[in-house]
Amino acid sequence: MPGIEPLQPSRKPTLAPAAGASPTVLRLILGAQLRRMRAEAGITPDVAAACIRCSTAKISRMETGHSPCKERDAADLLTLYGVTDPARTAEFLDLVNKAGERGWWRSYADVLPDWFEPLVGLEEAAASIRTYESHYIPGLLQTFDYAYAVVRSGHAIEPEEVTRRRVELRLKRQDLLYRSDPPKLWVLLDEAVLMRPTGGRQVMREQLSHLLDMTELPHVIVQVAPFEVTAHTSPGSGITYLRFAMAQLPDVAYLEHLTNATSVTKRESTDEYRWILDSLSAQSPSPVESRRLLRQALERYG
C-alpha cells in the first residue's frame, strides 16, 4: 500500500525509561525489570512470593505491570535478587514511587472500570496507535453526541449524570491527538460501521463529517475495510495495537470485551495481531480512496 508501511517487529529492549512516562508505563517498565532480575538471579516466583509474603499470582501481576509494587516489597525483592548497588537501588525505588502516582484519568475513577484504565494510560505514552473497529467509530475520534449514543446503548438505565461523566472521560482521552507530539493514529474501520446509524441520521452525519476533518491531520490515517476483505481477514473483534518510543516497552495488543479486556504483550501473540492489521490494511482501499468512501457514506445520511 503506497504511503503505508507495516509495523516492523519489536525492538530489542533497553533499561532507562523516558522522562514524563505515565504511571501505567512505569509499572510496565518496573515489572519487566523485576522479571529480568528474578530470572538472572535464578529465583522462582514461589521464592519471590515468600520473600514479600504474597501469592505467586501477585508476583505475576507485578511483573506484567498489572499491579503496583510497594516500595518495601521492591526493596526486599532487590535484596533477594542480589542488587547491592545503592545508586541502582535508589533509582529503582524512585521509579516505584513515580509509578504509584495518579494519572489524570484517576479523577474519573467513578466511571472508569479497572480493566479499561490500563488502555488510557498506555494511550498517553504510545508513539503509534493502530485500531480495528467492527462496531463503532473509535473513541478517540468520536463526537459528543455519537459517544453519548454509544455509551447509552451499553448503560441504558444508569443516571444521566453518570452517562455524561463517561462521555466526558472519552472526550478527554482525545486531547492527546492535539499535543505537540501526538501519537500516530491509524484506524481500520469495518464497512459495517458506516452503515450503522448510531444515534440517528443527524448524529451519524455529524460524526462522519468530524471523521473526515480528522483525516486532514497528518498523524491520523483512516482506512475503510470492505465486507469482501473482512469476510476472510478479520480478528473477529476490535483490536487496539500500541507501540512506544521507549524501546524497553513491548508492543501491546489490547482486546476489549463486553465486561473486561485482555492486554497481550507476548511477542508471538502480538506478532499475530500485527500481521492481521497489516493484512487488512494491505487489502483495504488506500487512505485517499477511503476518504471518498467516507464522503459517500456522509451523503447517504443526507
Protein backbone atom coordinates (compact mmCIF):
# COMPACT_ATOMS: atom_id res chain seq x y z
CA MET A 1 0.00 0.00 0.00
CA PRO A 2 1.67 3.25 -1.11
CA GLY A 3 2.38 5.57 1.78
CA ILE A 4 1.58 2.90 4.37
CA GLU A 5 4.34 0.81 5.90
CA PRO A 6 3.59 -2.27 8.01
CA LEU A 7 4.86 -2.24 11.55
CA GLN A 8 8.28 -3.75 11.94
CA PRO A 9 8.91 -6.33 14.67
CA SER A 10 9.54 -5.09 18.20
CA ARG A 11 12.92 -3.69 19.09
CA LYS A 12 15.46 -5.12 21.49
CA PRO A 13 14.73 -3.64 24.94
CA THR A 14 16.95 -1.29 26.92
CA LEU A 15 16.52 -0.14 30.51
CA ALA A 16 16.12 3.58 31.23
CA PRO A 17 12.55 4.95 31.00
CA ALA A 18 11.86 8.24 29.28
CA ALA A 19 11.17 11.34 31.33
CA GLY A 20 7.48 12.06 31.80
CA ALA A 21 6.37 8.45 31.32
CA SER A 22 2.88 7.80 32.70
CA PRO A 23 2.38 5.69 35.86
CA THR A 24 0.93 2.89 33.72
CA VAL A 25 4.04 2.78 31.55
CA LEU A 26 6.36 2.97 34.54
CA ARG A 27 4.62 -0.07 36.05
CA LEU A 28 5.25 -1.97 32.82
CA ILE A 29 8.92 -0.97 32.83
CA LEU A 30 9.36 -1.85 36.50
CA GLY A 31 7.59 -5.16 36.02
CA ALA A 32 9.84 -6.08 33.11
CA GLN A 33 12.93 -5.21 35.16
CA LEU A 34 11.72 -7.23 38.15
CA ARG A 35 11.08 -10.22 35.92
CA ARG A 36 14.53 -9.90 34.31
CA MET A 37 16.34 -9.53 37.66
CA ARG A 38 14.50 -12.51 39.12
CA ALA A 39 15.40 -14.67 36.12
CA GLU A 40 19.05 -13.58 36.20
CA ALA A 41 19.22 -14.42 39.91
CA GLY A 42 17.70 -17.85 39.31
CA ILE A 43 14.83 -17.15 41.72
CA THR A 44 11.46 -18.85 41.19
CA PRO A 45 8.15 -16.98 41.58
CA ASP A 46 7.39 -19.10 44.66
CA VAL A 47 10.55 -17.92 46.42
CA ALA A 48 9.90 -14.29 45.44
CA ALA A 49 6.34 -14.55 46.75
CA ALA A 50 7.53 -15.97 50.06
CA CYS A 51 10.03 -13.12 50.40
CA ILE A 52 7.33 -10.44 50.42
CA ARG A 53 4.58 -12.65 51.89
CA CYS A 54 2.25 -12.66 48.91
CA SER A 55 0.90 -15.09 46.31
CA THR A 56 2.70 -16.12 43.13
CA ALA A 57 -0.25 -14.58 41.29
CA LYS A 58 0.68 -11.18 42.74
CA ILE A 59 4.29 -11.64 41.62
CA SER A 60 2.97 -12.35 38.13
CA ARG A 61 0.74 -9.25 38.20
CA MET A 62 3.64 -7.09 39.39
CA GLU A 63 5.94 -8.42 36.66
CA THR A 64 3.36 -7.75 33.95
CA GLY A 65 2.65 -4.24 35.25
CA HIS A 66 -0.93 -5.02 36.22
CA SER A 67 -0.37 -4.46 39.95
CA PRO A 68 1.61 -1.65 41.61
CA CYS A 69 4.70 -2.53 43.61
CA LYS A 70 5.09 -1.14 47.13
CA GLU A 71 8.45 0.43 47.98
CA ARG A 72 9.07 -2.01 50.85
CA ASP A 73 8.28 -5.01 48.62
CA ALA A 74 10.55 -3.68 45.88
CA ALA A 75 13.42 -3.17 48.34
CA ASP A 76 13.04 -6.72 49.69
CA LEU A 77 12.95 -8.18 46.18
CA LEU A 78 16.04 -6.25 45.11
CA THR A 79 17.90 -7.67 48.12
CA LEU A 80 16.69 -11.18 47.26
CA TYR A 81 17.83 -10.72 43.66
CA GLY A 82 21.31 -9.67 44.76
CA VAL A 83 21.08 -5.98 43.83
CA THR A 84 23.54 -4.30 46.21
CA ASP A 85 24.48 -1.10 44.39
CA PRO A 86 22.93 1.77 46.46
CA ALA A 87 22.61 4.06 43.43
CA ARG A 88 20.81 1.42 41.39
CA THR A 89 18.52 0.61 44.30
CA ALA A 90 17.70 4.29 44.87
CA GLU A 91 16.92 4.81 41.18
CA PHE A 92 14.65 1.78 41.11
CA LEU A 93 12.77 2.80 44.24
CA ASP A 94 12.32 6.31 42.83
CA LEU A 95 10.61 4.78 39.80
CA VAL A 96 8.44 2.68 42.12
CA ASN A 97 7.18 5.85 43.80
CA LYS A 98 6.55 7.59 40.49
CA ALA A 99 4.69 4.54 39.20
CA GLY A 100 2.34 4.89 42.16
CA GLU A 101 1.31 8.43 41.25
CA ARG A 102 -2.15 9.17 39.90
CA GLY A 103 -2.75 9.78 36.22
CA TRP A 104 -5.31 12.44 35.20
CA TRP A 105 -7.80 9.66 34.44
CA ARG A 106 -7.99 8.70 38.13
CA SER A 107 -10.30 11.67 38.65
CA TYR A 108 -12.80 9.63 36.62
CA ALA A 109 -12.44 6.53 38.82
CA ASP A 110 -16.20 6.54 39.43
CA VAL A 111 -16.85 5.71 35.76
CA LEU A 112 -13.54 4.09 34.76
CA PRO A 113 -13.55 0.28 35.03
CA ASP A 114 -10.35 -1.26 36.39
CA TRP A 115 -9.96 -3.31 33.20
CA PHE A 116 -10.16 -0.21 30.98
CA GLU A 117 -7.76 2.00 32.94
CA PRO A 118 -4.57 0.42 31.51
CA LEU A 119 -5.56 1.39 27.96
CA VAL A 120 -5.97 5.05 28.91
CA GLY A 121 -2.51 5.11 30.46
CA LEU A 122 -0.95 3.31 27.51
CA GLU A 123 -2.56 5.67 25.00
CA GLU A 124 -0.88 8.58 26.78
CA ALA A 125 2.57 7.08 26.21
CA ALA A 126 2.11 5.46 22.79
CA ALA A 127 4.06 6.62 19.76
CA SER A 128 1.57 4.88 17.48
CA ILE A 129 -1.93 3.50 17.99
CA ARG A 130 -3.45 1.15 15.46
CA THR A 131 -7.02 0.04 15.85
CA TYR A 132 -9.52 -2.13 14.01
CA GLU A 133 -13.14 -1.38 14.85
CA SER A 134 -16.06 -3.53 13.76
CA HIS A 135 -18.99 -1.80 15.52
CA TYR A 136 -18.29 1.88 16.20
CA ILE A 137 -16.06 4.79 15.27
CA PRO A 138 -13.13 4.52 17.73
CA GLY A 139 -13.46 6.55 20.92
CA LEU A 140 -10.51 8.80 20.06
CA LEU A 141 -12.43 10.10 17.03
CA GLN A 142 -15.99 10.27 18.37
CA THR A 143 -18.13 13.40 18.64
CA PHE A 144 -20.00 14.13 21.86
CA ASP A 145 -23.40 13.05 20.53
CA TYR A 146 -22.04 9.89 18.92
CA ALA A 147 -20.13 8.99 22.09
CA TYR A 148 -23.28 9.64 24.13
CA ALA A 149 -25.27 7.26 21.92
CA VAL A 150 -22.60 4.56 22.18
CA VAL A 151 -22.29 4.86 25.97
CA ARG A 152 -26.05 4.98 26.46
CA SER A 153 -26.54 1.84 24.39
CA GLY A 154 -24.48 -0.10 26.93
CA HIS A 155 -25.75 1.68 30.06
CA ALA A 156 -29.36 2.42 29.23
CA ILE A 157 -30.69 2.55 32.80
CA GLU A 158 -27.90 4.43 34.54
CA PRO A 159 -28.43 8.05 35.71
CA GLU A 160 -27.93 10.75 33.11
CA GLU A 161 -25.07 12.38 35.02
CA VAL A 162 -23.13 9.10 35.05
CA THR A 163 -23.51 8.73 31.29
CA ARG A 164 -22.23 12.26 30.80
CA ARG A 165 -19.22 11.53 33.01
CA ARG A 166 -18.38 8.53 30.83
CA VAL A 167 -18.65 10.67 27.70
CA GLU A 168 -16.54 13.41 29.29
CA LEU A 169 -13.81 10.86 30.00
CA ARG A 170 -13.94 9.60 26.42
CA LEU A 171 -13.56 13.10 25.00
CA LYS A 172 -10.77 13.91 27.47
CA ARG A 173 -8.80 10.98 26.06
CA GLN A 174 -8.84 12.74 22.69
CA ASP A 175 -6.62 15.55 24.00
CA LEU A 176 -3.55 13.50 23.14
CA LEU A 177 -4.29 13.97 19.42
CA TYR A 178 -3.77 17.72 19.81
CA ARG A 179 -0.46 17.60 21.67
CA SER A 180 2.72 18.95 20.12
CA ASP A 181 3.93 15.34 19.94
CA PRO A 182 0.76 13.35 19.17
CA PRO A 183 0.82 9.62 18.52
CA LYS A 184 0.20 8.38 15.01
CA LEU A 185 -3.37 7.07 14.94
CA TRP A 186 -4.10 4.53 12.24
CA VAL A 187 -7.72 3.33 12.09
CA LEU A 188 -9.10 0.38 10.16
CA LEU A 189 -12.86 0.81 10.08
CA ASP A 190 -15.14 -2.06 9.14
CA GLU A 191 -17.55 -1.00 6.40
CA ALA A 192 -20.45 -2.03 8.67
CA VAL A 193 -19.66 0.89 10.99
CA LEU A 194 -20.56 3.34 8.23
CA MET A 195 -23.92 1.66 7.62
CA ARG A 196 -24.99 1.56 11.27
CA PRO A 197 -26.84 4.83 12.10
CA THR A 198 -25.65 5.07 15.70
CA GLY A 199 -27.57 7.84 17.45
CA GLY A 200 -29.72 8.53 14.39
CA ARG A 201 -29.07 10.06 10.99
CA GLN A 202 -28.20 13.55 12.24
CA VAL A 203 -25.71 12.26 14.81
CA MET A 204 -24.17 9.95 12.23
CA ARG A 205 -23.89 12.76 9.70
CA GLU A 206 -22.06 14.99 12.18
CA GLN A 207 -19.82 12.10 13.22
CA LEU A 208 -18.77 11.30 9.66
CA SER A 209 -18.13 14.97 8.95
CA HIS A 210 -15.90 15.12 12.04
CA LEU A 211 -14.12 11.94 10.98
CA LEU A 212 -13.34 13.45 7.59
CA ASP A 213 -11.99 16.58 9.28
CA MET A 214 -9.74 14.46 11.49
CA THR A 215 -8.24 12.69 8.48
CA GLU A 216 -6.82 16.07 7.44
CA LEU A 217 -4.40 15.84 10.37
CA PRO A 218 -1.03 14.42 9.28
CA HIS A 219 -0.93 11.92 12.14
CA VAL A 220 -4.43 10.47 11.61
CA ILE A 221 -4.96 7.75 9.00
CA VAL A 222 -8.31 6.09 8.32
CA GLN A 223 -8.92 3.14 6.04
CA VAL A 224 -12.30 1.55 5.37
CA ALA A 225 -12.17 -2.26 5.38
CA PRO A 226 -14.83 -3.52 2.92
CA PHE A 227 -17.02 -6.55 3.56
CA GLU A 228 -15.21 -8.56 0.90
CA VAL A 229 -11.97 -8.07 2.85
CA THR A 230 -13.23 -8.66 6.39
CA ALA A 231 -15.14 -11.73 5.19
CA HIS A 232 -11.86 -13.65 5.02
CA THR A 233 -9.39 -11.50 7.01
CA SER A 234 -10.65 -10.36 10.38
CA PRO A 235 -9.58 -10.56 14.02
CA GLY A 236 -13.19 -11.25 14.96
CA SER A 237 -13.46 -8.26 17.29
CA GLY A 238 -11.91 -4.87 17.89
CA ILE A 239 -8.15 -4.58 18.44
CA THR A 240 -6.02 -1.69 19.64
CA TYR A 241 -2.31 -2.18 18.97
CA LEU A 242 0.08 0.18 20.73
CA ARG A 243 3.77 0.79 20.12
CA PHE A 244 6.02 3.02 22.20
CA ALA A 245 9.01 5.24 21.57
CA MET A 246 10.62 3.73 24.68
CA ALA A 247 12.42 0.70 23.32
CA GLN A 248 12.25 -1.19 26.60
CA LEU A 249 8.46 -1.45 26.33
CA PRO A 250 6.93 -4.33 24.37
CA ASP A 251 4.16 -3.74 21.87
CA VAL A 252 0.71 -4.20 23.42
CA ALA A 253 -2.38 -5.65 21.76
CA TYR A 254 -5.48 -4.61 23.70
CA LEU A 255 -8.64 -6.65 23.14
CA GLU A 256 -11.82 -5.23 24.64
CA HIS A 257 -14.78 -7.45 25.52
CA LEU A 258 -18.22 -6.68 26.95
CA THR A 259 -17.24 -6.51 30.62
CA ASN A 260 -13.45 -6.94 30.57
CA ALA A 261 -10.39 -6.69 28.38
CA THR A 262 -7.17 -8.54 27.63
CA SER A 263 -3.74 -6.93 27.24
CA VAL A 264 -1.35 -9.09 25.23
CA THR A 265 2.41 -8.45 25.32
CA LYS A 266 3.93 -11.83 24.42
CA ARG A 267 5.91 -11.42 21.22
CA GLU A 268 4.44 -14.44 19.41
CA SER A 269 0.91 -13.19 20.10
CA THR A 270 1.48 -9.52 19.25
CA ASP A 271 3.18 -10.60 16.02
CA GLU A 272 -0.03 -12.41 15.10
CA TYR A 273 -2.20 -9.36 15.72
CA ARG A 274 0.23 -7.11 13.89
CA TRP A 275 0.10 -9.45 10.89
CA ILE A 276 -3.71 -9.30 10.84
CA LEU A 277 -3.69 -5.49 10.90
CA ASP A 278 -1.02 -5.33 8.19
CA SER A 279 -3.00 -7.77 6.04
CA LEU A 280 -6.26 -5.85 6.48
CA SER A 281 -4.53 -2.59 5.61
CA ALA A 282 -2.86 -4.02 2.51
CA GLN A 283 -6.17 -5.37 1.18
CA SER A 284 -8.29 -2.30 2.01
CA PRO A 285 -8.68 0.90 -0.03
CA SER A 286 -5.95 3.49 0.47
CA PRO A 287 -6.48 6.41 2.87
CA VAL A 288 -7.28 8.65 -0.12
CA GLU A 289 -9.83 6.21 -1.52
CA SER A 290 -11.22 5.66 1.97
CA ARG A 291 -11.91 9.39 2.25
CA ARG A 292 -14.06 9.07 -0.87
CA LEU A 293 -15.96 6.20 0.77
CA LEU A 294 -16.46 8.29 3.90
CA ARG A 295 -17.85 11.15 1.83
CA GLN A 296 -20.23 8.75 0.09
CA ALA A 297 -21.43 7.48 3.47
CA LEU A 298 -21.91 11.07 4.64
CA GLU A 299 -24.05 11.82 1.59
CA ARG A 300 -26.25 8.78 2.30
CA TYR A 301 -27.16 10.30 5.66
CA GLY A 302 -28.37 13.45 3.91
